[in-house]
Amino acid sequence: MIQGFPINNIREYVTEIILDHFQKNPDARDTSKGITKCWIIQETIETLVDKISENDVIDVLDSLIDKGIVGETKNKDGQFTYYKICK
């Protein structure tokens, strides 16, 4: 499980993001909708991306392949592997 997710205290999490954003951008202004859509969602995505490695993704893909949910193909020279849903 990714440390910090799922979020146990949403208000504390949102408070941290808002205050951190204002500290980094003291002239920032936005609506509550803008803060939700831009600041909070962007910060959450960046936090998750920083915590998920390519090896984590490969492990999940391998598991989905083993279950027959996802298939894989390689390009002609075998340098890249492409994944797709099995039909």
C-alpha atoms as a PDB file:
ATOM      1  CA  MET A   1       0.000   0.000   0.000  1.00  0.00           C
ATOM      2  CA  ILE A   2       1.245   3.498  -0.751  1.00  0.00           C
ATOM      3  CA  GLN A   3       2.117   5.346   2.417  1.00  0.00           C
ATOM      4  CA  GLY A   4      -0.352   8.153   3.014  1.00  0.00           C
ATOM      5  CA  PHE A   5      -3.067   6.572   0.870  1.00  0.00           C
ATOM      6  CA  PRO A   6      -5.868   6.033   1.459  1.00  0.00           C
ATOM      7  CA  ILE A   7      -6.111   9.380   3.171  1.00  0.00           C
ATOM      8  CA  ASN A   8      -7.319   9.021   6.740  1.00  0.00           C
ATOM      9  CA  ASN A   9      -7.942  12.693   7.424  1.00  0.00           C
ATOM     10  CA  ILE A  10      -9.079  14.521   4.285  1.00  0.00           C
ATOM     11  CA  ARG A  11      -9.274  17.960   5.929  1.00  0.00           C
ATOM     12  CA  GLU A  12      -5.706  17.698   7.190  1.00  0.00           C
ATOM     13  CA  TYR A  13      -4.540  16.597   3.735  1.00  0.00           C
ATOM     14  CA  VAL A  14      -6.350  19.462   1.978  1.00  0.00           C
ATOM     15  CA  THR A  15      -5.079  21.984   4.537  1.00  0.00           C
ATOM     16  CA  GLU A  16      -1.502  20.860   3.943  1.00  0.00           C
ATOM     17  CA  ILE A  17      -1.851  21.183   0.159  1.00  0.00           C
ATOM     18  CA  ILE A  18      -3.466  24.636   0.309  1.00  0.00           C
ATOM     19  CA  LEU A  19      -0.950  26.081   2.777  1.00  0.00           C
ATOM     20  CA  ASP A  20       1.971  24.563   0.883  1.00  0.00           C
ATOM     21  CA  HIS A  21       0.687  26.057  -2.381  1.00  0.00           C
ATOM     22  CA  PHE A  22       0.319  29.520  -0.830  1.00  0.00           C
ATOM     23  CA  GLN A  23       3.790  29.260   0.691  1.00  0.00           C
ATOM     24  CA  LYS A  24       5.302  28.428  -2.709  1.00  0.00           C
ATOM     25  CA  ASN A  25       3.079  30.943  -4.546  1.00  0.00           C
ATOM     26  CA  PRO A  26       2.283  33.845  -2.178  1.00  0.00           C
ATOM     27  CA  ASP A  27       0.449  35.795  -4.901  1.00  0.00           C
ATOM     28  CA  ALA A  28      -1.761  32.844  -5.896  1.00  0.00           C
ATOM     29  CA  ARG A  29      -5.560  33.298  -6.081  1.00  0.00           C
ATOM     30  CA  ASP A  30      -8.224  30.856  -7.129  1.00  0.00           C
ATOM     31  CA  THR A  31     -11.813  29.805  -6.538  1.00  0.00           C
ATOM     32  CA  SER A  32     -12.683  26.799  -4.389  1.00  0.00           C
ATOM     33  CA  LYS A  33     -13.432  24.905  -7.625  1.00  0.00           C
ATOM     34  CA  GLY A  34     -10.061  25.921  -9.080  1.00  0.00           C
ATOM     35  CA  ILE A  35      -8.241  24.917  -5.920  1.00  0.00           C
ATOM     36  CA  THR A  36      -9.989  21.560  -5.966  1.00  0.00           C
ATOM     37  CA  LYS A  37      -9.492  20.896  -9.679  1.00  0.00           C
ATOM     38  CA  CYS A  38      -5.986  22.288 -10.055  1.00  0.00           C
ATOM     39  CA  TRP A  39      -4.054  22.448  -6.809  1.00  0.00           C
ATOM     40  CA  ILE A  40      -5.374  19.433  -4.953  1.00  0.00           C
ATOM     41  CA  ILE A  41      -5.769  17.067  -7.882  1.00  0.00           C
ATOM     42  CA  GLN A  42      -2.367  18.031  -9.328  1.00  0.00           C
ATOM     43  CA  GLU A  43      -0.607  17.603  -5.981  1.00  0.00           C
ATOM     44  CA  THR A  44      -2.295  14.223  -5.422  1.00  0.00           C
ATOM     45  CA  ILE A  45      -1.242  13.003  -8.866  1.00  0.00           C
ATOM     46  CA  GLU A  46       2.347  14.171  -8.346  1.00  0.00           C
ATOM     47  CA  THR A  47       2.463  12.514  -4.924  1.00  0.00           C
ATOM     48  CA  LEU A  48       1.216   9.215  -6.319  1.00  0.00           C
ATOM     49  CA  VAL A  49       3.515   9.308  -9.347  1.00  0.00           C
ATOM     50  CA  ASP A  50       6.499   9.951  -7.091  1.00  0.00           C
ATOM     51  CA  LYS A  51       5.608   6.896  -4.996  1.00  0.00           C
ATOM     52  CA  ILE A  52       4.821   4.427  -7.788  1.00  0.00           C
ATOM     53  CA  SER A  53       7.845   2.967  -9.555  1.00  0.00           C
ATOM     54  CA  GLU A  54       7.967   1.436 -13.014  1.00  0.00           C
ATOM     55  CA  ASN A  55       8.702  -1.894 -11.303  1.00  0.00           C
ATOM     56  CA  ASP A  56       5.397  -1.558  -9.395  1.00  0.00           C
ATOM     57  CA  VAL A  57       3.605  -1.086 -12.724  1.00  0.00           C
ATOM     58  CA  ILE A  58       5.430  -4.042 -14.303  1.00  0.00           C
ATOM     59  CA  ASP A  59       4.507  -6.278 -11.348  1.00  0.00           C
ATOM     60  CA  VAL A  60       0.829  -5.343 -11.708  1.00  0.00           C
ATOM     61  CA  LEU A  61       0.910  -5.844 -15.476  1.00  0.00           C
ATOM     62  CA  ASP A  62       2.559  -9.268 -15.033  1.00  0.00           C
ATOM     63  CA  SER A  63      -0.188 -10.225 -12.584  1.00  0.00           C
ATOM     64  CA  LEU A  64      -2.906  -9.072 -15.004  1.00  0.00           C
ATOM     65  CA  ILE A  65      -1.221 -11.032 -17.821  1.00  0.00           C
ATOM     66  CA  ASP A  66      -1.112 -14.160 -15.625  1.00  0.00           C
ATOM     67  CA  LYS A  67      -4.860 -13.777 -15.023  1.00  0.00           C
ATOM     68  CA  GLY A  68      -5.557 -13.384 -18.753  1.00  0.00           C
ATOM     69  CA  ILE A  69      -6.906  -9.859 -18.338  1.00  0.00           C
ATOM     70  CA  VAL A  70      -4.119  -8.046 -20.173  1.00  0.00           C
ATOM     71  CA  GLY A  71      -2.029  -9.177 -23.124  1.00  0.00           C
ATOM     72  CA  GLU A  72       1.401  -8.085 -24.263  1.00  0.00           C
ATOM     73  CA  THR A  73       3.133  -7.746 -27.607  1.00  0.00           C
ATOM     74  CA  LYS A  74       6.627  -6.661 -28.529  1.00  0.00           C
ATOM     75  CA  ASN A  75       7.608  -4.386 -31.373  1.00  0.00           C
ATOM     76  CA  LYS A  76       9.580  -5.854 -34.303  1.00  0.00           C
ATOM     77  CA  ASP A  77      13.029  -5.456 -32.742  1.00  0.00           C
ATOM     78  CA  GLY A  78      11.781  -6.559 -29.295  1.00  0.00           C
ATOM     79  CA  GLN A  79      12.864  -3.319 -27.667  1.00  0.00           C
ATOM     80  CA  PHE A  80       9.417  -2.272 -26.420  1.00  0.00           C
ATOM     81  CA  THR A  81       6.541  -4.189 -24.877  1.00  0.00           C
ATOM     82  CA  TYR A  82       2.985  -2.970 -25.459  1.00  0.00           C
ATOM     83  CA  TYR A  83       0.055  -3.934 -23.255  1.00  0.00           C
ATOM     84  CA  LYS A  84      -3.631  -4.124 -24.099  1.00  0.00           C
ATOM     85  CA  ILE A  85      -6.810  -5.508 -22.641  1.00  0.00           C
ATOM     86  CA  CYS A  86      -7.663  -9.062 -23.696  1.00  0.00           C
ATOM     87  CA  LYS A  87     -10.956  -9.359 -25.539  1.00  0.00           C
END
